[in-house]
Amino acid sequence: MQLKKIKINSFVLALMAAIIVAYIVPSGAELLHIHTVTDVGIGLIFFFYGLNLSFAQVRSGLSNYKLHTLIQCSTFLLFPLVILLAKPILVSGVGELLWVGLFFLATLPSSVSSSVVMVSLAKGNVPAAIFNASISGLIGVVITPLWLGMVVEQVQGISFTEVFLKLIIQIILPITLGLVLNKKIGHIAKRHKKWISNFDKSIIVLIVYAAFSHSFIIHLFEGMHWTQFALVYVCVLLLFFLMMFLMNIISKKVFKFPIEDRITALFCGSKKSMVHGSVMAKVMFGNSPNGSLFILPIMLYHISQIIIIAVIAEKFGKRAIEKP
């Protein structure tokens, strides 16, 4: 699949418009309680997924241990090793502080909500995506601080009780409820798949708007020279495309996964969670005057992965369904 053949669609334009609106009216996210809306929206997204799934599908997805191993190794081993190996080059280009931000990004778990949404839009293995995205957040609670402890001195103790609670409320409970009600009202969700797909996209646009609104309010980008900003962004893009390339090659040539599993490996194995990154950054670097520099790569990676994967997901989603 060649990305240059993919046309910009209304969804991608909406994501770009969200950034512009966030710059012009950054206070809108708080005034309109966008964070609350997106929290509720994410719960509804997973509830709808549960309605469209069955226990047999979930069991089938969980049994694919090769896919799960590949995704988790990509998230917590390949990502950090790439940044570590490239440290001499990166430090000379962007500086020590921004390199720490890049390494922090590399150690984060995979994104939960957007990973599953994008896999669903692309008609990939949704049960496997749900499992990997959810377990990634749990693993990251331990692995991310351990990785960070190797390069950052005096990392504070971390308590993620609130994160676990949010994971249960927004993901596990809605999916469970959807699975329980699958036999009774699952046909309603299947009948309104197009409406649900549009709802998913709308929530993602709001998430992007809320994220960038916060960055503009706290003046995240002030004080940086444009060349330094450009170098960081180039590094972020190179990391993203490198991991997508590796996931595509390994899943296709080494494991020979079917297209649904390749999509899940490609999306879940190349994404990083800004939600987890924001929480961990606040705890680990909250008292540092350079805290905003540490979260800059996460912000850039987050919007890039959503826009790029959204385009790829749309392309995958339009493919012809192969019959046995």
C-alpha atoms as a PDB file:
ATOM      1  CA  MET A   1       0.000   0.000   0.000  1.00  0.00           C
ATOM      2  CA  GLN A   2       1.376   3.387  -1.022  1.00  0.00           C
ATOM      3  CA  LEU A   3       0.471   6.309   1.162  1.00  0.00           C
ATOM      4  CA  LYS A   4       0.925   8.817  -1.670  1.00  0.00           C
ATOM      5  CA  LYS A   5      -2.154   7.437  -3.410  1.00  0.00           C
ATOM      6  CA  ILE A   6      -4.410   8.096  -0.451  1.00  0.00           C
ATOM      7  CA  LYS A   7      -6.477  11.225  -0.816  1.00  0.00           C
ATOM      8  CA  ILE A   8      -7.130  13.653   2.002  1.00  0.00           C
ATOM      9  CA  ASN A   9     -10.697  13.050   3.198  1.00  0.00           C
ATOM     10  CA  SER A  10     -13.164  14.939   5.345  1.00  0.00           C
ATOM     11  CA  PHE A  11     -12.067  13.143   8.511  1.00  0.00           C
ATOM     12  CA  VAL A  12      -8.439  14.235   8.124  1.00  0.00           C
ATOM     13  CA  LEU A  13      -9.569  17.780   7.268  1.00  0.00           C
ATOM     14  CA  ALA A  14     -11.676  17.775  10.440  1.00  0.00           C
ATOM     15  CA  LEU A  15      -8.623  16.774  12.486  1.00  0.00           C
ATOM     16  CA  MET A  16      -6.586  19.605  10.990  1.00  0.00           C
ATOM     17  CA  ALA A  17      -9.440  22.042  11.572  1.00  0.00           C
ATOM     18  CA  ALA A  18      -9.551  20.949  15.220  1.00  0.00           C
ATOM     19  CA  ILE A  19      -5.947  22.095  15.675  1.00  0.00           C
ATOM     20  CA  ILE A  20      -6.662  25.475  14.078  1.00  0.00           C
ATOM     21  CA  VAL A  21      -9.756  26.002  16.226  1.00  0.00           C
ATOM     22  CA  ALA A  22      -7.766  24.966  19.310  1.00  0.00           C
ATOM     23  CA  TYR A  23      -5.243  27.698  18.511  1.00  0.00           C
ATOM     24  CA  ILE A  24      -7.916  30.351  17.945  1.00  0.00           C
ATOM     25  CA  VAL A  25     -10.231  29.344  20.819  1.00  0.00           C
ATOM     26  CA  PRO A  26      -8.170  27.270  23.282  1.00  0.00           C
ATOM     27  CA  SER A  27     -10.528  27.960  26.180  1.00  0.00           C
ATOM     28  CA  GLY A  28     -13.398  26.244  24.377  1.00  0.00           C
ATOM     29  CA  ALA A  29     -12.387  22.815  25.650  1.00  0.00           C
ATOM     30  CA  GLU A  30     -12.937  23.874  29.257  1.00  0.00           C
ATOM     31  CA  LEU A  31     -16.011  26.016  28.620  1.00  0.00           C
ATOM     32  CA  LEU A  32     -17.760  23.250  26.680  1.00  0.00           C
ATOM     33  CA  HIS A  33     -16.496  20.506  29.014  1.00  0.00           C
ATOM     34  CA  ILE A  34     -14.932  18.684  26.071  1.00  0.00           C
ATOM     35  CA  HIS A  35     -12.871  16.457  28.369  1.00  0.00           C
ATOM     36  CA  THR A  36     -16.053  15.142  29.993  1.00  0.00           C
ATOM     37  CA  VAL A  37     -17.701  14.679  26.602  1.00  0.00           C
ATOM     38  CA  THR A  38     -14.758  12.668  25.280  1.00  0.00           C
ATOM     39  CA  ASP A  39     -14.592  10.559  28.459  1.00  0.00           C
ATOM     40  CA  VAL A  40     -18.251   9.626  28.015  1.00  0.00           C
ATOM     41  CA  GLY A  41     -17.752   9.212  24.272  1.00  0.00           C
ATOM     42  CA  ILE A  42     -14.894   6.757  24.726  1.00  0.00           C
ATOM     43  CA  GLY A  43     -17.078   4.682  27.047  1.00  0.00           C
ATOM     44  CA  LEU A  44     -19.840   4.624  24.423  1.00  0.00           C
ATOM     45  CA  ILE A  45     -17.359   3.657  21.719  1.00  0.00           C
ATOM     46  CA  PHE A  46     -16.302   0.572  23.662  1.00  0.00           C
ATOM     47  CA  PHE A  47     -19.905  -0.233  24.545  1.00  0.00           C
ATOM     48  CA  PHE A  48     -20.762  -0.282  20.840  1.00  0.00           C
ATOM     49  CA  TYR A  49     -17.774  -2.528  20.188  1.00  0.00           C
ATOM     50  CA  GLY A  50     -19.032  -4.918  22.824  1.00  0.00           C
ATOM     51  CA  LEU A  51     -22.418  -5.023  21.135  1.00  0.00           C
ATOM     52  CA  ASN A  52     -20.746  -5.958  17.856  1.00  0.00           C
ATOM     53  CA  LEU A  53     -18.585  -8.667  19.427  1.00  0.00           C
ATOM     54  CA  SER A  54     -19.301 -12.102  20.789  1.00  0.00           C
ATOM     55  CA  PHE A  55     -17.575 -14.143  23.481  1.00  0.00           C
ATOM     56  CA  ALA A  56     -16.365 -16.516  20.768  1.00  0.00           C
ATOM     57  CA  GLN A  57     -14.747 -13.592  18.932  1.00  0.00           C
ATOM     58  CA  VAL A  58     -13.052 -12.360  22.102  1.00  0.00           C
ATOM     59  CA  ARG A  59     -11.700 -15.823  22.924  1.00  0.00           C
ATOM     60  CA  SER A  60     -10.415 -16.134  19.375  1.00  0.00           C
ATOM     61  CA  GLY A  61      -8.682 -12.770  19.624  1.00  0.00           C
ATOM     62  CA  LEU A  62      -7.076 -13.535  22.979  1.00  0.00           C
ATOM     63  CA  SER A  63      -5.656 -16.846  21.755  1.00  0.00           C
ATOM     64  CA  ASN A  64      -3.463 -15.184  19.128  1.00  0.00           C
ATOM     65  CA  TYR A  65      -0.343 -15.135  21.300  1.00  0.00           C
ATOM     66  CA  LYS A  66       2.057 -14.442  18.408  1.00  0.00           C
ATOM     67  CA  LEU A  67       0.235 -11.227  17.548  1.00  0.00           C
ATOM     68  CA  HIS A  68       0.115 -10.126  21.193  1.00  0.00           C
ATOM     69  CA  THR A  69       3.817 -10.837  21.701  1.00  0.00           C
ATOM     70  CA  LEU A  70       4.801  -8.878  18.591  1.00  0.00           C
ATOM     71  CA  ILE A  71       2.751  -5.825  19.603  1.00  0.00           C
ATOM     72  CA  GLN A  72       4.018  -5.716  23.193  1.00  0.00           C
ATOM     73  CA  CYS A  73       7.639  -6.252  22.136  1.00  0.00           C
ATOM     74  CA  SER A  74       7.294  -3.409  19.665  1.00  0.00           C
ATOM     75  CA  THR A  75       5.746  -1.115  22.285  1.00  0.00           C
ATOM     76  CA  PHE A  76       8.144  -1.744  25.167  1.00  0.00           C
ATOM     77  CA  LEU A  77      11.342  -3.076  23.545  1.00  0.00           C
ATOM     78  CA  LEU A  78      11.801  -1.927  19.944  1.00  0.00           C
ATOM     79  CA  PHE A  79      10.689   1.666  20.549  1.00  0.00           C
ATOM     80  CA  PRO A  80      13.050   2.360  23.493  1.00  0.00           C
ATOM     81  CA  LEU A  81      15.974   0.515  21.875  1.00  0.00           C
ATOM     82  CA  VAL A  82      15.693   2.613  18.710  1.00  0.00           C
ATOM     83  CA  ILE A  83      15.887   5.863  20.694  1.00  0.00           C
ATOM     84  CA  LEU A  84      18.731   4.550  22.867  1.00  0.00           C
ATOM     85  CA  LEU A  85      20.797   3.498  19.861  1.00  0.00           C
ATOM     86  CA  ALA A  86      20.178   6.861  18.204  1.00  0.00           C
ATOM     87  CA  LYS A  87      21.026   8.880  21.340  1.00  0.00           C
ATOM     88  CA  PRO A  88      24.395  10.322  20.140  1.00  0.00           C
ATOM     89  CA  ILE A  89      22.801  11.620  16.936  1.00  0.00           C
ATOM     90  CA  LEU A  90      19.618  12.877  18.590  1.00  0.00           C
ATOM     91  CA  VAL A  91      21.360  14.674  21.465  1.00  0.00           C
ATOM     92  CA  SER A  92      23.626  16.516  19.050  1.00  0.00           C
ATOM     93  CA  GLY A  93      20.577  17.611  17.060  1.00  0.00           C
ATOM     94  CA  VAL A  94      17.819  18.395  19.570  1.00  0.00           C
ATOM     95  CA  GLY A  95      19.665  18.503  22.903  1.00  0.00           C
ATOM     96  CA  GLU A  96      19.659  16.360  26.039  1.00  0.00           C
ATOM     97  CA  LEU A  97      16.296  17.531  27.414  1.00  0.00           C
ATOM     98  CA  LEU A  98      14.341  16.896  24.246  1.00  0.00           C
ATOM     99  CA  TRP A  99      16.075  13.524  23.866  1.00  0.00           C
ATOM    100  CA  VAL A 100      14.685  12.611  27.288  1.00  0.00           C
ATOM    101  CA  GLY A 101      11.274  13.602  25.943  1.00  0.00           C
ATOM    102  CA  LEU A 102      11.763  11.321  22.931  1.00  0.00           C
ATOM    103  CA  PHE A 103      12.862   8.447  25.142  1.00  0.00           C
ATOM    104  CA  PHE A 104       9.907   9.050  27.448  1.00  0.00           C
ATOM    105  CA  LEU A 105       7.639   8.839  24.392  1.00  0.00           C
ATOM    106  CA  ALA A 106       9.275   5.573  23.323  1.00  0.00           C
ATOM    107  CA  THR A 107       8.648   3.908  26.693  1.00  0.00           C
ATOM    108  CA  LEU A 108       4.931   4.716  26.840  1.00  0.00           C
ATOM    109  CA  PRO A 109       2.181   2.106  26.341  1.00  0.00           C
ATOM    110  CA  SER A 110       0.101   1.950  23.197  1.00  0.00           C
ATOM    111  CA  SER A 111      -2.903   4.208  22.812  1.00  0.00           C
ATOM    112  CA  VAL A 112      -6.136   2.536  23.921  1.00  0.00           C
ATOM    113  CA  SER A 113      -9.164   4.307  22.476  1.00  0.00           C
ATOM    114  CA  SER A 114      -7.768   5.493  19.144  1.00  0.00           C
ATOM    115  CA  SER A 115      -5.981   2.181  18.481  1.00  0.00           C
ATOM    116  CA  VAL A 116      -9.189   0.200  18.763  1.00  0.00           C
ATOM    117  CA  VAL A 117     -11.204   2.800  16.872  1.00  0.00           C
ATOM    118  CA  MET A 118      -8.742   2.851  13.984  1.00  0.00           C
ATOM    119  CA  VAL A 119      -8.486  -0.948  13.845  1.00  0.00           C
ATOM    120  CA  SER A 120     -12.273  -1.088  13.696  1.00  0.00           C
ATOM    121  CA  LEU A 121     -12.406   1.499  10.900  1.00  0.00           C
ATOM    122  CA  ALA A 122      -9.833  -0.538   8.959  1.00  0.00           C
ATOM    123  CA  LYS A 123     -11.751  -3.787   9.564  1.00  0.00           C
ATOM    124  CA  GLY A 124      -8.893  -5.382  11.461  1.00  0.00           C
ATOM    125  CA  ASN A 125      -8.865  -7.796  14.394  1.00  0.00           C
ATOM    126  CA  VAL A 126     -10.798  -5.690  16.919  1.00  0.00           C
ATOM    127  CA  PRO A 127     -10.832  -8.226  19.818  1.00  0.00           C
ATOM    128  CA  ALA A 128      -7.035  -8.522  19.600  1.00  0.00           C
ATOM    129  CA  ALA A 129      -6.728  -4.720  19.449  1.00  0.00           C
ATOM    130  CA  ILE A 130      -8.882  -4.342  22.563  1.00  0.00           C
ATOM    131  CA  PHE A 131      -6.789  -6.899  24.436  1.00  0.00           C
ATOM    132  CA  ASN A 132      -3.428  -5.425  23.418  1.00  0.00           C
ATOM    133  CA  ALA A 133      -4.395  -1.800  23.950  1.00  0.00           C
ATOM    134  CA  SER A 134      -5.788  -2.563  27.399  1.00  0.00           C
ATOM    135  CA  ILE A 135      -2.959  -4.812  28.597  1.00  0.00           C
ATOM    136  CA  SER A 136      -0.411  -2.336  27.232  1.00  0.00           C
ATOM    137  CA  GLY A 137      -1.601   0.304  29.677  1.00  0.00           C
ATOM    138  CA  LEU A 138      -1.227  -2.102  32.578  1.00  0.00           C
ATOM    139  CA  ILE A 139       2.256  -3.192  31.531  1.00  0.00           C
ATOM    140  CA  GLY A 140       3.291   0.418  30.990  1.00  0.00           C
ATOM    141  CA  VAL A 141       2.617   1.283  34.618  1.00  0.00           C
ATOM    142  CA  VAL A 142       5.663  -0.854  35.500  1.00  0.00           C
ATOM    143  CA  ILE A 143       7.815  -0.798  32.369  1.00  0.00           C
ATOM    144  CA  THR A 144       7.739   2.955  31.628  1.00  0.00           C
ATOM    145  CA  PRO A 145       9.144   4.030  35.040  1.00  0.00           C
ATOM    146  CA  LEU A 146      11.780   1.261  34.843  1.00  0.00           C
ATOM    147  CA  TRP A 147      12.968   2.410  31.423  1.00  0.00           C
ATOM    148  CA  LEU A 148      12.906   6.050  32.534  1.00  0.00           C
ATOM    149  CA  GLY A 149      14.924   5.215  35.631  1.00  0.00           C
ATOM    150  CA  MET A 150      17.804   4.266  33.358  1.00  0.00           C
ATOM    151  CA  VAL A 151      18.203   7.773  31.931  1.00  0.00           C
ATOM    152  CA  VAL A 152      16.503  10.136  34.389  1.00  0.00           C
ATOM    153  CA  GLU A 153      17.766  10.573  37.930  1.00  0.00           C
ATOM    154  CA  GLN A 154      15.503  10.731  40.972  1.00  0.00           C
ATOM    155  CA  VAL A 155      12.367   9.408  39.337  1.00  0.00           C
ATOM    156  CA  GLN A 156       9.601   9.781  41.896  1.00  0.00           C
ATOM    157  CA  GLY A 157       7.375   6.960  43.077  1.00  0.00           C
ATOM    158  CA  ILE A 158       4.315   6.574  40.867  1.00  0.00           C
ATOM    159  CA  SER A 159       0.767   5.652  41.835  1.00  0.00           C
ATOM    160  CA  PHE A 160      -1.625   4.962  38.979  1.00  0.00           C
ATOM    161  CA  THR A 161      -4.747   4.089  40.943  1.00  0.00           C
ATOM    162  CA  GLU A 162      -6.654   6.808  39.122  1.00  0.00           C
ATOM    163  CA  VAL A 163      -5.454   5.524  35.737  1.00  0.00           C
ATOM    164  CA  PHE A 164      -6.541   1.971  36.568  1.00  0.00           C
ATOM    165  CA  LEU A 165      -9.920   3.221  37.732  1.00  0.00           C
ATOM    166  CA  LYS A 166     -10.402   5.156  34.503  1.00  0.00           C
ATOM    167  CA  LEU A 167      -9.376   2.101  32.501  1.00  0.00           C
ATOM    168  CA  ILE A 168     -12.000   0.004  34.240  1.00  0.00           C
ATOM    169  CA  ILE A 169     -14.768   2.605  33.972  1.00  0.00           C
ATOM    170  CA  GLN A 170     -14.130   3.695  30.381  1.00  0.00           C
ATOM    171  CA  ILE A 171     -13.073   0.449  28.750  1.00  0.00           C
ATOM    172  CA  ILE A 172     -13.591  -2.783  30.644  1.00  0.00           C
ATOM    173  CA  LEU A 173     -17.088  -2.102  31.997  1.00  0.00           C
ATOM    174  CA  PRO A 174     -18.538  -0.754  28.701  1.00  0.00           C
ATOM    175  CA  ILE A 175     -17.109  -3.668  26.717  1.00  0.00           C
ATOM    176  CA  THR A 176     -18.391  -6.169  29.277  1.00  0.00           C
ATOM    177  CA  LEU A 177     -21.834  -4.594  29.238  1.00  0.00           C
ATOM    178  CA  GLY A 178     -21.868  -4.653  25.445  1.00  0.00           C
ATOM    179  CA  LEU A 179     -20.858  -8.315  25.379  1.00  0.00           C
ATOM    180  CA  VAL A 180     -23.563  -9.207  27.900  1.00  0.00           C
ATOM    181  CA  LEU A 181     -26.196  -7.405  25.821  1.00  0.00           C
ATOM    182  CA  ASN A 182     -24.807  -8.691  22.525  1.00  0.00           C
ATOM    183  CA  LYS A 183     -27.433 -11.379  21.994  1.00  0.00           C
ATOM    184  CA  LYS A 184     -30.333  -9.104  22.958  1.00  0.00           C
ATOM    185  CA  ILE A 185     -29.596  -5.815  21.182  1.00  0.00           C
ATOM    186  CA  GLY A 186     -26.438  -6.524  19.193  1.00  0.00           C
ATOM    187  CA  HIS A 187     -28.452  -6.439  15.962  1.00  0.00           C
ATOM    188  CA  ILE A 188     -29.204  -2.745  16.591  1.00  0.00           C
ATOM    189  CA  ALA A 189     -25.504  -1.853  16.577  1.00  0.00           C
ATOM    190  CA  LYS A 190     -24.926  -3.856  13.401  1.00  0.00           C
ATOM    191  CA  ARG A 191     -27.822  -2.100  11.692  1.00  0.00           C
ATOM    192  CA  HIS A 192     -26.380   1.341  12.512  1.00  0.00           C
ATOM    193  CA  LYS A 193     -22.690   0.705  11.767  1.00  0.00           C
ATOM    194  CA  LYS A 194     -22.364   3.842   9.633  1.00  0.00           C
ATOM    195  CA  TRP A 195     -23.761   6.063  12.401  1.00  0.00           C
ATOM    196  CA  ILE A 196     -21.454   4.440  14.947  1.00  0.00           C
ATOM    197  CA  SER A 197     -18.452   4.944  12.643  1.00  0.00           C
ATOM    198  CA  ASN A 198     -19.251   8.671  12.327  1.00  0.00           C
ATOM    199  CA  PHE A 199     -19.638   8.878  16.104  1.00  0.00           C
ATOM    200  CA  ASP A 200     -16.191   7.289  16.557  1.00  0.00           C
ATOM    201  CA  LYS A 201     -14.612   9.844  14.243  1.00  0.00           C
ATOM    202  CA  SER A 202     -16.332  12.741  16.007  1.00  0.00           C
ATOM    203  CA  ILE A 203     -14.937  11.680  19.376  1.00  0.00           C
ATOM    204  CA  ILE A 204     -11.425  11.463  17.932  1.00  0.00           C
ATOM    205  CA  VAL A 205     -11.735  15.006  16.535  1.00  0.00           C
ATOM    206  CA  LEU A 206     -12.804  16.262  19.972  1.00  0.00           C
ATOM    207  CA  ILE A 207      -9.883  14.445  21.619  1.00  0.00           C
ATOM    208  CA  VAL A 208      -7.453  16.180  19.256  1.00  0.00           C
ATOM    209  CA  TYR A 209      -9.059  19.571  19.901  1.00  0.00           C
ATOM    210  CA  ALA A 210      -8.928  19.138  23.683  1.00  0.00           C
ATOM    211  CA  ALA A 211      -5.297  17.992  23.583  1.00  0.00           C
ATOM    212  CA  PHE A 212      -4.088  20.939  21.527  1.00  0.00           C
ATOM    213  CA  SER A 213      -6.217  23.425  23.436  1.00  0.00           C
ATOM    214  CA  HIS A 214      -4.343  22.494  26.601  1.00  0.00           C
ATOM    215  CA  SER A 215      -0.959  22.849  24.908  1.00  0.00           C
ATOM    216  CA  PHE A 216      -1.809  26.331  23.632  1.00  0.00           C
ATOM    217  CA  ILE A 217      -3.181  27.437  27.011  1.00  0.00           C
ATOM    218  CA  ILE A 218       0.020  26.497  28.839  1.00  0.00           C
ATOM    219  CA  HIS A 219       2.114  28.107  26.047  1.00  0.00           C
ATOM    220  CA  LEU A 220       3.882  24.835  25.361  1.00  0.00           C
ATOM    221  CA  PHE A 221       5.514  26.007  22.164  1.00  0.00           C
ATOM    222  CA  GLU A 222       6.780  29.406  23.293  1.00  0.00           C
ATOM    223  CA  GLY A 223      10.522  29.893  23.720  1.00  0.00           C
ATOM    224  CA  MET A 224      11.494  27.264  21.138  1.00  0.00           C
ATOM    225  CA  HIS A 225      13.372  28.136  17.979  1.00  0.00           C
ATOM    226  CA  TRP A 226      11.560  26.901  14.892  1.00  0.00           C
ATOM    227  CA  THR A 227      14.563  24.820  13.767  1.00  0.00           C
ATOM    228  CA  GLN A 228      14.586  22.929  17.062  1.00  0.00           C
ATOM    229  CA  PHE A 229      10.868  22.359  16.794  1.00  0.00           C
ATOM    230  CA  ALA A 230      11.312  21.121  13.220  1.00  0.00           C
ATOM    231  CA  LEU A 231      14.097  18.710  14.228  1.00  0.00           C
ATOM    232  CA  VAL A 232      11.982  17.225  17.008  1.00  0.00           C
ATOM    233  CA  TYR A 233       9.067  16.777  14.647  1.00  0.00           C
ATOM    234  CA  VAL A 234      11.292  15.126  12.023  1.00  0.00           C
ATOM    235  CA  CYS A 235      12.570  12.718  14.685  1.00  0.00           C
ATOM    236  CA  VAL A 236       8.997  11.917  15.733  1.00  0.00           C
ATOM    237  CA  LEU A 237       7.918  11.237  12.161  1.00  0.00           C
ATOM    238  CA  LEU A 238      10.983   9.102  11.427  1.00  0.00           C
ATOM    239  CA  LEU A 239      10.315   7.044  14.565  1.00  0.00           C
ATOM    240  CA  PHE A 240       6.672   6.578  13.635  1.00  0.00           C
ATOM    241  CA  PHE A 241       7.310   5.496  10.041  1.00  0.00           C
ATOM    242  CA  LEU A 242      10.206   3.250  11.095  1.00  0.00           C
ATOM    243  CA  MET A 243       7.992   1.386  13.565  1.00  0.00           C
ATOM    244  CA  MET A 244       5.166   1.080  11.034  1.00  0.00           C
ATOM    245  CA  PHE A 245       7.636  -0.280   8.484  1.00  0.00           C
ATOM    246  CA  LEU A 246       9.033  -2.824  10.958  1.00  0.00           C
ATOM    247  CA  MET A 247       5.554  -3.931  12.060  1.00  0.00           C
ATOM    248  CA  ASN A 248       4.440  -4.372   8.464  1.00  0.00           C
ATOM    249  CA  ILE A 249       7.523  -6.375   7.454  1.00  0.00           C
ATOM    250  CA  ILE A 250       7.578  -8.587  10.551  1.00  0.00           C
ATOM    251  CA  SER A 251       3.849  -9.323  10.550  1.00  0.00           C
ATOM    252  CA  LYS A 252       3.781  -9.979   6.805  1.00  0.00           C
ATOM    253  CA  LYS A 253       7.103 -11.691   6.080  1.00  0.00           C
ATOM    254  CA  VAL A 254       8.033 -13.338   9.388  1.00  0.00           C
ATOM    255  CA  PHE A 255       4.711 -14.331  10.962  1.00  0.00           C
ATOM    256  CA  LYS A 256       2.674 -14.279   7.726  1.00  0.00           C
ATOM    257  CA  PHE A 257      -0.394 -12.912   9.533  1.00  0.00           C
ATOM    258  CA  PRO A 258      -3.719 -12.551   7.703  1.00  0.00           C
ATOM    259  CA  ILE A 259      -4.690  -9.008   6.734  1.00  0.00           C
ATOM    260  CA  GLU A 260      -6.850  -8.471   9.872  1.00  0.00           C
ATOM    261  CA  ASP A 261      -3.968  -9.357  12.197  1.00  0.00           C
ATOM    262  CA  ARG A 262      -1.497  -7.301  10.156  1.00  0.00           C
ATOM    263  CA  ILE A 263      -3.716  -4.249  10.548  1.00  0.00           C
ATOM    264  CA  THR A 264      -3.856  -4.744  14.317  1.00  0.00           C
ATOM    265  CA  ALA A 265      -0.081  -5.224  14.553  1.00  0.00           C
ATOM    266  CA  LEU A 266       0.527  -2.195  12.332  1.00  0.00           C
ATOM    267  CA  PHE A 267      -1.769   0.125  14.300  1.00  0.00           C
ATOM    268  CA  CYS A 268      -1.314  -1.071  17.892  1.00  0.00           C
ATOM    269  CA  GLY A 269       2.416  -1.730  17.509  1.00  0.00           C
ATOM    270  CA  SER A 270       3.212   1.763  16.239  1.00  0.00           C
ATOM    271  CA  LYS A 271       1.048   3.944  18.491  1.00  0.00           C
ATOM    272  CA  LYS A 272       1.717   5.659  21.806  1.00  0.00           C
ATOM    273  CA  SER A 273      -0.731   6.885  24.434  1.00  0.00           C
ATOM    274  CA  MET A 274      -0.879  10.611  25.123  1.00  0.00           C
ATOM    275  CA  VAL A 275      -3.289   9.908  27.979  1.00  0.00           C
ATOM    276  CA  HIS A 276      -0.757   7.739  29.817  1.00  0.00           C
ATOM    277  CA  GLY A 277       2.041  10.071  28.764  1.00  0.00           C
ATOM    278  CA  SER A 278       0.319  13.127  30.224  1.00  0.00           C
ATOM    279  CA  VAL A 279      -0.379  11.389  33.539  1.00  0.00           C
ATOM    280  CA  MET A 280       3.124   9.954  33.886  1.00  0.00           C
ATOM    281  CA  ALA A 281       4.771  13.218  32.845  1.00  0.00           C
ATOM    282  CA  LYS A 282       2.814  15.116  35.488  1.00  0.00           C
ATOM    283  CA  VAL A 283       3.960  12.689  38.186  1.00  0.00           C
ATOM    284  CA  MET A 284       7.568  12.238  37.062  1.00  0.00           C
ATOM    285  CA  PHE A 285       8.379  15.721  35.815  1.00  0.00           C
ATOM    286  CA  GLY A 286       5.724  17.825  37.561  1.00  0.00           C
ATOM    287  CA  ASN A 287       8.279  19.846  39.565  1.00  0.00           C
ATOM    288  CA  SER A 288      10.730  20.243  36.695  1.00  0.00           C
ATOM    289  CA  PRO A 289      10.858  23.603  34.891  1.00  0.00           C
ATOM    290  CA  ASN A 290      11.532  21.606  31.728  1.00  0.00           C
ATOM    291  CA  GLY A 291       8.414  19.473  32.063  1.00  0.00           C
ATOM    292  CA  SER A 292       6.786  21.000  28.992  1.00  0.00           C
ATOM    293  CA  LEU A 293       9.782  20.006  26.855  1.00  0.00           C
ATOM    294  CA  PHE A 294       9.433  16.406  27.974  1.00  0.00           C
ATOM    295  CA  ILE A 295       5.834  16.161  26.788  1.00  0.00           C
ATOM    296  CA  LEU A 296       6.364  17.975  23.467  1.00  0.00           C
ATOM    297  CA  PRO A 297       7.331  14.789  21.549  1.00  0.00           C
ATOM    298  CA  ILE A 298       4.204  13.068  22.901  1.00  0.00           C
ATOM    299  CA  MET A 299       1.994  15.875  21.611  1.00  0.00           C
ATOM    300  CA  LEU A 300       3.610  15.781  18.180  1.00  0.00           C
ATOM    301  CA  TYR A 301       3.497  11.994  17.956  1.00  0.00           C
ATOM    302  CA  HIS A 302      -0.107  11.870  19.088  1.00  0.00           C
ATOM    303  CA  ILE A 303      -1.528  14.119  16.394  1.00  0.00           C
ATOM    304  CA  SER A 304       0.735  12.622  13.711  1.00  0.00           C
ATOM    305  CA  GLN A 305      -0.268   9.042  14.468  1.00  0.00           C
ATOM    306  CA  ILE A 306      -3.967   9.899  14.477  1.00  0.00           C
ATOM    307  CA  ILE A 307      -3.897  11.763  11.166  1.00  0.00           C
ATOM    308  CA  ILE A 308      -1.636   9.310   9.331  1.00  0.00           C
ATOM    309  CA  ILE A 309      -3.286   6.155  10.637  1.00  0.00           C
ATOM    310  CA  ALA A 310      -6.720   7.662  10.021  1.00  0.00           C
ATOM    311  CA  VAL A 311      -5.848   7.937   6.329  1.00  0.00           C
ATOM    312  CA  ILE A 312      -4.476   4.380   6.255  1.00  0.00           C
ATOM    313  CA  ALA A 313      -7.479   3.054   8.180  1.00  0.00           C
ATOM    314  CA  GLU A 314      -9.880   4.616   5.691  1.00  0.00           C
ATOM    315  CA  LYS A 315      -7.971   2.952   2.847  1.00  0.00           C
ATOM    316  CA  PHE A 316      -7.970  -0.450   4.552  1.00  0.00           C
ATOM    317  CA  GLY A 317     -11.636  -0.100   5.457  1.00  0.00           C
ATOM    318  CA  LYS A 318     -12.636   0.280   1.813  1.00  0.00           C
ATOM    319  CA  ARG A 319     -10.871  -2.889   0.679  1.00  0.00           C
ATOM    320  CA  ALA A 320     -12.906  -5.737  -0.727  1.00  0.00           C
ATOM    321  CA  ILE A 321     -13.709  -8.419   1.815  1.00  0.00           C
ATOM    322  CA  GLU A 322     -12.131 -11.637   0.612  1.00  0.00           C
ATOM    323  CA  LYS A 323     -14.411 -14.673   0.698  1.00  0.00           C
ATOM    324  CA  PRO A 324     -13.111 -18.178   1.475  1.00  0.00           C
END
